[in-house]
Protein backbone atom coordinates (compact mmCIF):
# COMPACT_ATOMS: atom_id res chain seq x y z
CA UNK A 1 33.57 28.74 -12.10
CA UNK A 2 32.14 32.24 -11.62
CA UNK A 3 29.82 34.74 -13.34
CA UNK A 4 32.89 36.69 -14.52
CA UNK A 5 34.44 33.55 -16.05
CA UNK A 6 31.15 32.65 -17.75
CA UNK A 7 31.01 36.18 -19.20
CA UNK A 8 34.47 35.68 -20.74
CA UNK A 9 33.34 32.29 -22.12
CA UNK A 10 30.29 34.07 -23.60
CA UNK A 11 32.40 36.84 -25.18
CA UNK A 12 34.71 34.26 -26.74
CA UNK A 13 31.85 32.17 -28.16
CA UNK A 14 30.24 35.35 -29.51
CA UNK A 15 33.22 35.87 -31.85
CA UNK A 16 31.63 33.68 -34.49
CA UNK A 17 29.87 30.56 -33.21
CA UNK A 18 26.49 29.86 -34.82
CA UNK A 19 24.54 33.06 -35.20
CA UNK A 20 27.13 35.03 -33.23
CA UNK A 21 26.57 37.21 -30.17
CA UNK A 22 22.82 36.62 -29.93
CA UNK A 23 23.26 32.83 -29.72
CA UNK A 24 26.29 33.05 -27.43
CA UNK A 25 24.50 35.33 -24.96
CA UNK A 26 21.45 33.06 -24.93
CA UNK A 27 23.62 29.98 -24.30
CA UNK A 28 25.61 31.67 -21.53
CA UNK A 29 22.44 32.89 -19.83
CA UNK A 30 21.06 29.35 -19.95
CA UNK A 31 24.24 27.98 -18.37
CA UNK A 32 24.07 30.68 -15.72
CA UNK A 33 20.60 29.43 -14.75
CA UNK A 34 21.59 25.73 -14.86
CA UNK A 35 24.59 26.29 -12.62
CA UNK A 36 28.22 25.37 -13.10
CA UNK A 37 31.31 24.44 -11.18
CA UNK A 38 31.96 21.75 -8.57
CA UNK A 39 28.93 19.69 -7.67
CA UNK A 40 27.19 20.21 -11.02
CA UNK A 41 27.36 18.07 -14.17
CA UNK A 42 28.44 21.07 -16.28
CA UNK A 43 32.05 22.02 -17.03
CA UNK A 44 32.87 25.00 -19.23
CA UNK A 45 36.31 25.24 -20.78
CA UNK A 46 38.11 28.36 -21.90
CA UNK A 47 41.39 28.02 -23.78
CA UNK A 48 43.75 30.91 -23.19
CA UNK A 49 46.97 32.10 -24.70
CA UNK A 50 47.54 35.77 -23.94
CA UNK A 51 43.73 36.09 -24.25
CA UNK A 52 40.77 33.69 -24.58
CA UNK A 53 41.09 31.65 -27.79
CA UNK A 54 38.58 28.81 -27.52
CA UNK A 55 35.56 27.35 -25.74
CA UNK A 56 33.97 23.99 -25.00
CA UNK A 57 31.34 22.65 -22.64
CA UNK A 58 31.07 19.21 -21.08
CA UNK A 59 28.03 17.59 -19.47
CA UNK A 60 28.82 14.54 -17.35
CA UNK A 61 26.09 12.07 -16.45
CA UNK A 62 27.28 8.66 -15.34
CA UNK A 63 28.86 6.75 -18.18
CA UNK A 64 27.90 9.26 -20.88
CA UNK A 65 29.37 12.69 -21.54
CA UNK A 66 27.97 15.34 -23.85
CA UNK A 67 30.32 17.77 -25.59
CA UNK A 68 29.02 21.15 -26.72
CA UNK A 69 30.13 24.54 -28.06
CA UNK A 70 33.64 23.58 -29.13
CA UNK A 71 34.75 26.78 -30.81
CA UNK A 72 37.87 28.67 -31.79
CA UNK A 73 37.43 32.23 -33.11
CA UNK A 74 38.53 32.37 -36.76
CA UNK A 75 41.51 34.59 -35.93
CA UNK A 76 42.92 31.75 -33.76
CA UNK A 77 41.93 28.80 -35.98
CA UNK A 78 44.34 26.15 -37.24
CA UNK A 79 46.83 26.63 -34.38
CA UNK A 80 46.00 23.59 -32.23
CA UNK A 81 43.55 25.34 -29.89
CA UNK A 82 40.69 22.95 -30.70
CA UNK A 83 42.92 19.93 -30.23
CA UNK A 84 44.22 21.20 -26.89
CA UNK A 85 40.81 22.04 -25.46
CA UNK A 86 39.31 18.74 -26.64
CA UNK A 87 42.21 16.72 -25.20
CA UNK A 88 41.77 18.42 -21.81
CA UNK A 89 38.02 17.84 -21.94
CA UNK A 90 38.45 14.16 -22.89
CA UNK A 91 40.94 13.70 -20.03
CA UNK A 92 38.17 14.91 -17.71
CA UNK A 93 35.69 12.52 -19.35
CA UNK A 94 38.02 9.59 -18.65
CA UNK A 95 38.76 10.76 -15.10
CA UNK A 96 35.03 10.92 -14.38
CA UNK A 97 34.65 7.29 -15.47
CA UNK A 98 32.45 8.00 -18.49
CA UNK A 99 32.63 5.36 -21.20
CA UNK A 100 31.10 7.33 -24.04
CA UNK A 101 31.35 10.94 -25.22
CA UNK A 102 28.96 12.30 -27.83
CA UNK A 103 28.88 15.52 -29.82
CA UNK A 104 27.53 17.12 -32.93
CA UNK A 105 30.05 18.69 -35.22
CA UNK A 106 30.29 21.11 -38.08
CA UNK A 107 32.03 19.97 -41.24
CA UNK A 108 35.01 22.07 -40.14
CA UNK A 109 35.27 20.18 -36.84
CA UNK A 110 34.88 16.70 -38.33
CA UNK A 111 38.59 16.08 -39.11
CA UNK A 112 39.63 16.99 -35.56
CA UNK A 113 36.94 14.85 -33.97
CA UNK A 114 37.77 11.85 -36.15
CA UNK A 115 41.48 12.29 -35.35
CA UNK A 116 40.64 12.30 -31.62
CA UNK A 117 38.82 8.97 -31.94
CA UNK A 118 35.19 9.95 -32.40
CA UNK A 119 33.28 7.94 -34.98
CA UNK A 120 30.53 9.27 -37.19
CA UNK A 121 27.21 7.70 -36.22
CA UNK A 122 24.74 9.72 -38.25
CA UNK A 123 24.17 12.95 -40.10
CA UNK A 124 21.59 15.36 -38.72
CA UNK A 125 19.91 18.05 -40.79
CA UNK A 126 19.15 21.38 -39.16
CA UNK A 127 16.00 23.22 -40.13
CA UNK A 128 15.07 26.72 -39.14
CA UNK A 129 11.76 28.51 -39.52
CA UNK A 130 11.71 32.30 -39.74
CA UNK A 131 8.55 33.95 -38.53
CA UNK A 132 7.32 36.79 -40.73
CA UNK A 133 6.75 40.10 -39.03
């Protein structure tokens, strides 16, 4: 809901999501430009215990919701953080009247997402091209 909160979200995501800090900072800067908080379709979630322990992002657009950047730093994994943050996010999806939530998932996240009621629709390959310098 504020630049300071988004910075904490960024720092938490940077603890191991994707390519690490570089990707997390890019994503957070993008969300900073898109806007967040009441009146926008974007909701960013930060799970906390005594410190931040997980992230997720929700995009609401009518009957469809997109779920992104569900992440728990490895040091906090396997303690129910992902389940808790996804259950809160899905409560918000229902409250907003969306009928469908979609996400992409890593192999590690698949069991949680299936347990929460998501169904596998397809498998997507990711390709990356490195430019030579």
